[in-house]
Each structure stands twice: as C-alpha cells, then as structure tokens.
Protein backbone atom coordinates (compact mmCIF):
# COMPACT_ATOMS: atom_id res chain seq x y z
CA UNK A 1 -7.13 8.76 -8.26
CA UNK A 2 -3.81 10.15 -9.45
CA UNK A 3 -1.09 7.72 -10.37
CA UNK A 4 2.24 8.10 -8.57
CA UNK A 5 4.97 9.45 -10.83
CA UNK A 6 8.10 7.30 -10.84
CA UNK A 7 10.94 9.58 -9.79
CA UNK A 8 13.64 6.91 -9.69
CA UNK A 9 14.94 4.71 -6.91
CA UNK A 10 15.94 7.49 -4.52
CA UNK A 11 12.99 8.26 -2.26
CA UNK A 12 14.64 10.03 0.67
CA UNK A 13 17.45 12.43 1.49
CA UNK A 14 19.15 12.28 4.89
CA UNK A 15 21.15 15.29 6.08
CA UNK A 16 23.33 14.64 9.12
CA UNK A 17 24.66 17.69 10.96
CA UNK A 18 25.55 19.02 14.37
CA UNK A 19 22.75 21.05 15.93
CA UNK A 20 21.55 22.48 19.22
CA UNK A 21 18.44 21.05 20.84
CA UNK A 22 16.71 23.97 22.56
CA UNK A 23 14.40 21.76 24.66
CA UNK A 24 17.27 19.84 26.24
CA UNK A 25 19.71 22.77 25.97
CA UNK A 26 22.34 20.44 24.62
CA UNK A 27 24.34 19.84 21.44
CA UNK A 28 23.36 16.85 19.36
CA UNK A 29 23.68 15.25 15.96
CA UNK A 30 20.53 15.91 13.93
CA UNK A 31 19.35 13.34 11.39
CA UNK A 32 16.98 15.24 9.04
CA UNK A 33 14.91 12.98 6.80
CA UNK A 34 13.09 14.38 3.76
CA UNK A 35 11.26 12.80 0.85
CA UNK A 36 12.30 13.52 -2.72
CA UNK A 37 8.65 13.63 -3.71
CA UNK A 38 6.83 16.90 -3.15
CA UNK A 39 3.21 16.69 -2.07
CA UNK A 40 0.79 19.20 -3.55
CA UNK A 41 -2.06 19.44 -1.05
CA UNK A 42 -0.75 18.76 2.44
CA UNK A 43 2.51 18.74 4.40
CA UNK A 44 3.45 15.41 5.95
CA UNK A 45 5.66 14.15 8.77
CA UNK A 46 7.79 11.05 8.24
CA UNK A 47 7.22 8.64 11.11
CA UNK A 48 10.60 7.29 12.29
CA UNK A 49 11.56 4.96 15.13
CA UNK A 50 15.19 4.99 16.19
CA UNK A 51 17.54 3.25 18.59
CA UNK A 52 21.22 3.02 19.42
CA UNK A 53 23.09 -0.10 20.48
CA UNK A 54 26.80 0.43 21.07
CA UNK A 55 28.26 1.81 17.84
CA UNK A 56 25.17 0.98 15.78
CA UNK A 57 22.32 3.36 14.95
CA UNK A 58 18.99 2.05 13.71
CA UNK A 59 16.22 4.03 12.03
CA UNK A 60 12.92 2.53 10.89
CA UNK A 61 10.83 4.61 8.49
CA UNK A 62 7.20 3.73 9.22
CA UNK A 63 5.49 5.93 6.64
CA UNK A 64 4.06 9.42 6.48
CA UNK A 65 1.10 11.15 8.09
CA UNK A 66 -0.36 14.64 7.70
CA UNK A 67 1.13 17.29 9.98
CA UNK A 68 -1.27 18.13 12.79
CA UNK A 69 -3.21 21.35 12.32
CA UNK A 70 -1.72 22.00 8.88
CA UNK A 71 -3.52 23.99 6.27
CA UNK A 72 -3.35 23.01 2.66
CA UNK A 73 0.16 23.65 1.38
CA UNK A 74 2.71 21.98 -0.88
CA UNK A 75 6.01 20.54 0.27
CA UNK A 76 8.07 17.49 1.03
CA UNK A 77 7.46 15.14 3.92
CA UNK A 78 10.12 15.62 6.59
CA UNK A 79 11.18 14.99 10.16
CA UNK A 80 14.31 15.16 12.24
CA UNK A 81 15.72 13.03 15.01
CA UNK A 82 18.22 14.46 17.51
CA UNK A 83 20.70 11.94 18.89
CA UNK A 84 22.87 12.92 21.82
CA UNK A 85 26.38 11.99 22.99
CA UNK A 86 27.68 10.54 19.72
CA UNK A 87 31.43 10.25 19.20
CA UNK A 88 33.38 7.79 17.09
CA UNK A 89 32.49 5.54 14.18
CA UNK A 90 28.97 4.18 13.72
CA UNK A 91 27.25 1.70 11.49
CA UNK A 92 23.89 3.17 10.45
CA UNK A 93 20.97 1.03 9.29
CA UNK A 94 17.77 2.52 7.82
CA UNK A 95 14.79 0.28 7.08
CA UNK A 96 11.66 1.30 5.17
CA UNK A 97 8.34 -0.57 4.81
CA UNK A 98 8.81 -3.84 2.97
CA UNK A 99 11.87 -4.57 5.15
CA UNK A 100 14.20 -2.92 2.64
CA UNK A 101 17.38 -1.77 4.38
CA UNK A 102 20.12 0.69 3.46
CA UNK A 103 23.36 0.87 5.44
CA UNK A 104 26.35 3.18 5.64
CA UNK A 105 29.17 4.10 8.02
CA UNK A 106 29.54 7.41 9.78
CA UNK A 107 32.38 9.02 11.78
CA UNK A 108 31.79 11.79 14.31
CA UNK A 109 34.96 13.35 15.73
CA UNK A 110 35.75 16.77 17.23
CA UNK A 111 32.84 18.55 15.59
CA UNK A 112 33.28 16.87 12.20
CA UNK A 113 30.76 14.47 10.69
CA UNK A 114 31.90 12.32 7.80
CA UNK A 115 30.20 9.55 5.84
CA UNK A 116 32.89 6.84 5.70
CA UNK A 117 31.15 4.28 3.54
CA UNK A 118 28.47 5.20 0.99
CA UNK A 119 24.92 3.91 1.21
CA UNK A 120 24.53 0.25 0.29
CA UNK A 121 21.38 -1.78 -0.19
CA UNK A 122 19.15 -3.44 -2.74
CA UNK A 123 17.75 -1.09 -3.82
CA UNK A 124 19.44 2.07 -2.54
CA UNK A 125 16.51 4.34 -1.63
CA UNK A 126 18.40 6.99 0.37
CA UNK A 127 20.94 9.73 -0.36
CA UNK A 128 23.06 10.76 2.61
CA UNK A 129 25.04 13.93 3.14
CA UNK A 130 26.70 15.56 6.12
CA UNK A 131 27.42 19.21 6.82
CA UNK A 132 27.37 21.73 9.65
CA UNK A 133 24.13 23.60 10.35
C-alpha cells in the first residue's frame, strides 16, 4: 500500500464561472470542483450533493469514485454542478466528510461573478476562484 503524500491543507479547488448548459439549452453558473491531488492510475469523479435555499447554496462533498468506463489514465478527480437562475448575493457552504465546513460569500450580478468574502473554516480545505468561461 502506498502512503498518501501530505500536500498541505488545501485539498480542492472550486472554479465558479458562467457557462451554457447544452442539455437544458440555458445559461447557468457552473461550480467546477477539482482535487489538488493527481491520481496516477484512474480518473475519478467527485460525488457532490447540492441544494439552494433562498440566498444560501449548500454543497456536500461525499467522496470520489472511479469514472465509469475509464481506462487507466492519470489526472485529478473532478466534477461540475450547474446551478440555474442565480442573481444577487449568496452565502455558500461546502462540507466534506468528517463534517468539516468551509464558507464564503458570492455575488452574481449582470454577468459578473465575484467572491465577496474569502473562504473561512477550520481547517480551510478549499481554494475558490471566479472567472468567465
């Protein structure tokens, strides 16, 4: 068994950007999650549950699982969640196994996405950035 290499506290990167969902033929805000760690034998999907209540967005990272029908290849675990009809300021909460939560604030106005308050939590396990795709 190989021992996991400690790569610091940051485990995930979250990129938030406007996107177009081809299935629904509608604009959305895409939350793209990716691990910092690169896996050497298989590609993995990050399993994420999400919900929205008023001006609060919740994401629960449940773990990773191998991508279906993937051949052996290296890469980071990743997934994206498209959220529709977002406008205004939101409080975002992301929880990973062990009930560890990171929170930040986000503003979505007229095509612009801005992180208002940086990620907070003990420990901070997530880096967040926003840009246009």
